[in-house]
Amino acid sequence: MILYYAIATEKNPSPRSYFFGIALLAQIGILGMALV
């Protein structure tokens, strides 16, 4: 999935890719807070 988004964003960046990145960072942050 990460490879797909890396290839898809290089060839044709779409707003969906940016929102996917923001959501991914948010989920990592929530997971970090839950573990702490």
Protein backbone atom coordinates (compact mmCIF):
# COMPACT_ATOMS: atom_id res chain seq x y z
CA MET A 1 0.00 0.00 0.00
CA ILE A 2 2.83 2.39 0.87
CA LEU A 3 4.58 1.51 -2.40
CA TYR A 4 1.33 2.08 -4.33
CA TYR A 5 0.88 5.54 -2.84
CA ALA A 6 4.55 6.42 -3.39
CA ILE A 7 4.27 5.54 -7.09
CA ALA A 8 0.81 7.10 -7.50
CA THR A 9 1.85 10.38 -5.87
CA GLU A 10 5.00 10.78 -7.98
CA LYS A 11 3.18 10.28 -11.30
CA ASN A 12 -0.10 12.06 -10.58
CA PRO A 13 -0.53 13.70 -7.17
CA SER A 14 -4.16 13.95 -6.17
CA PRO A 15 -5.81 15.65 -3.16
CA ARG A 16 -6.84 12.18 -1.96
CA SER A 17 -3.17 11.28 -1.45
CA TYR A 18 -2.60 14.32 0.76
CA PHE A 19 -5.63 13.54 2.91
CA PHE A 20 -4.49 9.91 3.15
CA GLY A 21 -1.12 11.10 4.44
CA ILE A 22 -2.74 13.41 6.99
CA ALA A 23 -5.02 10.60 8.20
CA LEU A 24 -2.06 8.21 8.46
CA LEU A 25 -0.09 10.67 10.58
CA ALA A 26 -3.14 11.25 12.79
CA GLN A 27 -3.58 7.53 13.38
CA ILE A 28 0.10 7.09 14.24
CA GLY A 29 -0.23 9.98 16.70
CA ILE A 30 -3.32 8.47 18.31
CA LEU A 31 -1.56 5.11 18.59
CA GLY A 32 1.44 6.81 20.22
CA MET A 33 -0.78 8.56 22.76
CA ALA A 34 -2.59 5.33 23.54
CA LEU A 35 0.69 3.51 24.19
CA VAL A 36 1.93 6.32 26.45
